[in-house]
Amino acid sequence: MIVAVGSTRGPKVEAVRRVLAQLGERASELARAEIVAVDVTAGGTPPMPLSLDELLDGARSRAHLAVEALQTQGRTADMAIGMEGGIDLRRSDPLGRRGFLMSWAYVTDGRRGAHGCGGAIEVPRPLLDRVVTDGVELAEVIDAFAREHDVRSRQGAWGVLTGGLFDRTRSFEIALINALAPFYNEAAYE
């Protein structure tokens, strides 16, 4: 079995490895799958998604683009996974503009597909303003805030905002466990 992953970023690929290994007996074929990570850009999705719709569309687009990328290599994916992180911007909140960092996954076997979310954490207002008002990508904002380079390839904004209690890989693990539920627990979804 070949599982195409629409990203080559370390935290996303590691999340797939961990979750498929966790499935074990529940989905032994998936647990033994060959993971093929491909570099794709989510078509039609902005570099910094700022709504739930953009996050869902981005995850789904990455999965479909991963399938296409493998086809150009003469390979066929049995399953495809797309993951997207970004902010769900709440403009009409009584407390003013608020944004929640979210990680989403989408899984498809070509016949059906499912989304899963890895939770949400509020983005501090000064960081949110840099993203929304100034148009700076969250990755750049977090790097400056944390005084580190390429945070998204390690702990991500999740790690910075939680003081290391939770990280980007874990957020995508949870999203992926949730998105895969119809595939490893089919009886609940019949």
Protein backbone atom coordinates (compact mmCIF):
# COMPACT_ATOMS: atom_id res chain seq x y z
CA MET A 1 0.00 0.00 0.00
CA ILE A 2 1.27 3.47 -0.91
CA VAL A 3 0.20 6.54 1.06
CA ALA A 4 0.93 9.85 -0.67
CA VAL A 5 1.50 12.82 1.61
CA GLY A 6 1.12 16.31 0.18
CA SER A 7 4.09 17.81 2.03
CA THR A 8 7.76 17.22 2.70
CA ARG A 9 7.80 19.29 5.92
CA GLY A 10 9.25 17.32 8.81
CA PRO A 11 6.41 17.79 11.34
CA LYS A 12 3.75 16.73 8.84
CA VAL A 13 5.60 13.66 7.55
CA GLU A 14 6.53 12.64 11.10
CA ALA A 15 2.87 12.95 12.14
CA VAL A 16 1.90 10.53 9.36
CA ARG A 17 4.63 8.07 10.39
CA ARG A 18 3.58 8.15 14.04
CA VAL A 19 -0.15 7.80 13.39
CA LEU A 20 0.19 4.95 10.89
CA ALA A 21 2.46 3.14 13.36
CA GLN A 22 -0.12 3.66 16.14
CA LEU A 23 -2.86 2.05 14.07
CA GLY A 24 -1.25 -1.38 14.37
CA GLU A 25 -3.90 -4.11 14.42
CA ARG A 26 -6.76 -1.68 13.80
CA ALA A 27 -5.54 -1.14 10.26
CA SER A 28 -2.53 -3.36 9.72
CA GLU A 29 -2.29 -2.60 5.99
CA LEU A 30 -2.06 1.13 6.75
CA ALA A 31 0.44 0.52 9.54
CA ARG A 32 2.75 -1.17 7.00
CA ALA A 33 2.16 1.34 4.19
CA GLU A 34 4.95 2.98 2.23
CA ILE A 35 4.78 6.72 2.90
CA VAL A 36 5.71 8.87 -0.09
CA ALA A 37 6.04 12.57 0.74
CA VAL A 38 5.79 14.95 -2.20
CA ASP A 39 6.28 18.70 -2.33
CA VAL A 40 3.02 20.34 -3.40
CA THR A 41 1.53 23.80 -3.15
CA ALA A 42 -2.15 23.76 -2.29
CA GLY A 43 -3.78 25.11 -5.42
CA GLY A 44 -6.14 28.00 -4.80
CA THR A 45 -5.22 28.20 -1.12
CA PRO A 46 -3.45 31.33 0.07
CA PRO A 47 0.02 30.91 1.64
CA MET A 48 -1.55 31.83 4.99
CA PRO A 49 -5.09 30.44 5.27
CA LEU A 50 -7.28 32.76 7.37
CA SER A 51 -10.58 30.87 7.49
CA LEU A 52 -11.92 27.44 8.22
CA ASP A 53 -12.93 27.05 4.57
CA GLU A 54 -9.40 27.88 3.39
CA LEU A 55 -7.93 25.36 5.85
CA LEU A 56 -10.30 22.58 4.74
CA ASP A 57 -9.80 23.37 1.06
CA GLY A 58 -6.02 23.51 1.51
CA ALA A 59 -5.86 20.09 3.19
CA ARG A 60 -8.08 18.52 0.53
CA SER A 61 -6.13 20.18 -2.30
CA ARG A 62 -2.81 18.91 -0.91
CA ALA A 63 -4.13 15.33 -0.83
CA HIS A 64 -5.35 15.48 -4.43
CA LEU A 65 -2.14 17.15 -5.62
CA ALA A 66 -0.11 14.41 -3.91
CA VAL A 67 -1.99 11.79 -5.95
CA GLU A 68 -1.30 13.73 -9.15
CA ALA A 69 2.39 14.14 -8.27
CA LEU A 70 2.78 10.38 -7.84
CA GLN A 71 0.98 9.74 -11.12
CA THR A 72 3.55 11.89 -12.94
CA GLN A 73 6.18 9.54 -11.47
CA GLY A 74 4.29 6.53 -12.82
CA ARG A 75 3.11 5.46 -9.35
CA THR A 76 -0.36 5.03 -7.91
CA ALA A 77 -1.36 6.07 -4.40
CA ASP A 78 -3.80 3.85 -2.52
CA MET A 79 -4.47 6.66 -0.08
CA ALA A 80 -3.59 10.34 0.03
CA ILE A 81 -3.15 12.71 2.94
CA GLY A 82 -3.16 16.48 2.90
CA MET A 83 -2.50 18.67 5.92
CA GLU A 84 -2.97 22.41 6.30
CA GLY A 85 -2.26 24.76 9.15
CA GLY A 86 -3.44 28.31 9.48
CA ILE A 87 -5.71 30.68 11.34
CA ASP A 88 -9.47 30.65 11.63
CA LEU A 89 -10.15 34.38 11.87
CA ARG A 90 -13.22 35.39 13.88
CA ARG A 91 -14.05 38.96 12.84
CA SER A 92 -17.39 39.32 14.62
CA ASP A 93 -16.40 38.06 18.07
CA PRO A 94 -17.74 40.24 20.93
CA LEU A 95 -14.15 40.54 22.18
CA GLY A 96 -13.00 41.95 18.85
CA ARG A 97 -11.02 40.30 16.10
CA ARG A 98 -9.65 36.96 17.26
CA GLY A 99 -7.83 34.18 15.48
CA PHE A 100 -7.28 30.54 16.32
CA LEU A 101 -4.34 28.53 15.05
CA MET A 102 -5.63 25.23 13.68
CA SER A 103 -4.21 22.12 12.03
CA TRP A 104 -6.38 20.14 9.63
CA ALA A 105 -5.91 16.86 7.78
CA TYR A 106 -7.79 15.31 4.88
CA VAL A 107 -7.56 11.65 3.92
CA THR A 108 -8.93 10.01 0.77
CA ASP A 109 -8.75 6.57 -0.77
CA GLY A 110 -10.23 7.83 -4.03
CA ARG A 111 -13.74 6.68 -3.14
CA ARG A 112 -14.32 8.62 0.04
CA GLY A 113 -12.63 11.31 2.06
CA ALA A 114 -12.68 12.73 5.56
CA HIS A 115 -11.34 15.75 7.41
CA GLY A 116 -9.99 15.89 10.95
CA CYS A 117 -8.91 18.75 13.18
CA GLY A 118 -5.99 18.87 15.60
CA GLY A 119 -7.51 21.42 17.95
CA ALA A 120 -7.21 25.18 18.19
CA ILE A 121 -5.26 27.73 20.20
CA GLU A 122 -5.85 31.47 20.27
CA VAL A 123 -3.15 33.51 18.56
CA PRO A 124 -2.05 36.50 20.70
CA ARG A 125 -3.47 39.75 19.32
CA PRO A 126 -0.10 41.40 18.47
CA LEU A 127 0.91 38.34 16.42
CA LEU A 128 -2.52 38.11 14.82
CA ASP A 129 -2.36 41.78 13.81
CA ARG A 130 0.97 41.22 12.07
CA VAL A 131 -0.58 38.40 10.04
CA VAL A 132 -3.96 39.97 9.28
CA THR A 133 -3.21 43.69 9.09
CA ASP A 134 0.37 43.60 7.82
CA GLY A 135 -0.02 40.50 5.63
CA VAL A 136 3.01 38.71 7.08
CA GLU A 137 2.91 34.89 7.11
CA LEU A 138 2.57 33.34 10.57
CA ALA A 139 5.83 31.41 10.07
CA GLU A 140 7.72 34.69 9.72
CA VAL A 141 5.89 36.29 12.65
CA ILE A 142 6.60 33.31 14.94
CA ASP A 143 10.27 33.22 13.92
CA ALA A 144 10.63 36.89 14.90
CA PHE A 145 8.63 36.44 18.11
CA ALA A 146 10.61 33.35 19.20
CA ARG A 147 13.91 34.79 17.93
CA GLU A 148 14.52 31.52 16.10
CA HIS A 149 14.81 30.50 12.46
CA ASP A 150 12.38 28.12 10.70
CA VAL A 151 10.25 27.35 13.76
CA ARG A 152 7.61 25.69 11.55
CA SER A 153 10.02 22.88 10.67
CA ARG A 154 10.37 22.01 14.35
CA GLN A 155 7.92 22.85 17.15
CA GLY A 156 5.87 25.28 15.06
CA ALA A 157 3.73 28.09 16.39
CA TRP A 158 2.03 25.49 18.59
CA GLY A 159 5.27 24.85 20.47
CA VAL A 160 6.01 28.54 20.90
CA LEU A 161 2.47 29.42 22.06
CA THR A 162 2.23 26.49 24.52
CA GLY A 163 5.74 26.90 25.91
CA GLY A 164 6.68 23.50 24.51
CA LEU A 165 3.77 21.51 26.00
CA PHE A 166 2.31 20.80 22.55
CA ASP A 167 3.94 21.06 19.12
CA ARG A 168 3.16 21.18 15.42
CA THR A 169 3.76 17.46 14.89
CA ARG A 170 1.32 16.55 17.66
CA SER A 171 -1.33 18.91 16.29
CA PHE A 172 -1.15 17.15 12.92
CA GLU A 173 -1.14 13.72 14.62
CA ILE A 174 -4.46 14.51 16.28
CA ALA A 175 -5.89 15.92 13.04
CA LEU A 176 -4.81 12.77 11.20
CA ILE A 177 -6.17 10.36 13.82
CA ASN A 178 -9.51 12.14 13.46
CA ALA A 179 -9.44 12.22 9.65
CA LEU A 180 -8.52 8.52 9.47
CA ALA A 181 -11.33 7.39 11.81
CA PRO A 182 -13.71 6.35 8.98
CA PHE A 183 -10.91 4.20 7.55
CA TYR A 184 -9.77 2.39 10.71
CA ASN A 185 -13.16 2.35 12.47
CA GLU A 186 -15.45 1.74 9.51
CA ALA A 187 -18.31 0.28 11.58
CA ALA A 188 -18.93 3.64 13.23
CA TYR A 189 -19.23 5.36 9.84
CA GLU A 190 -21.48 2.90 7.95
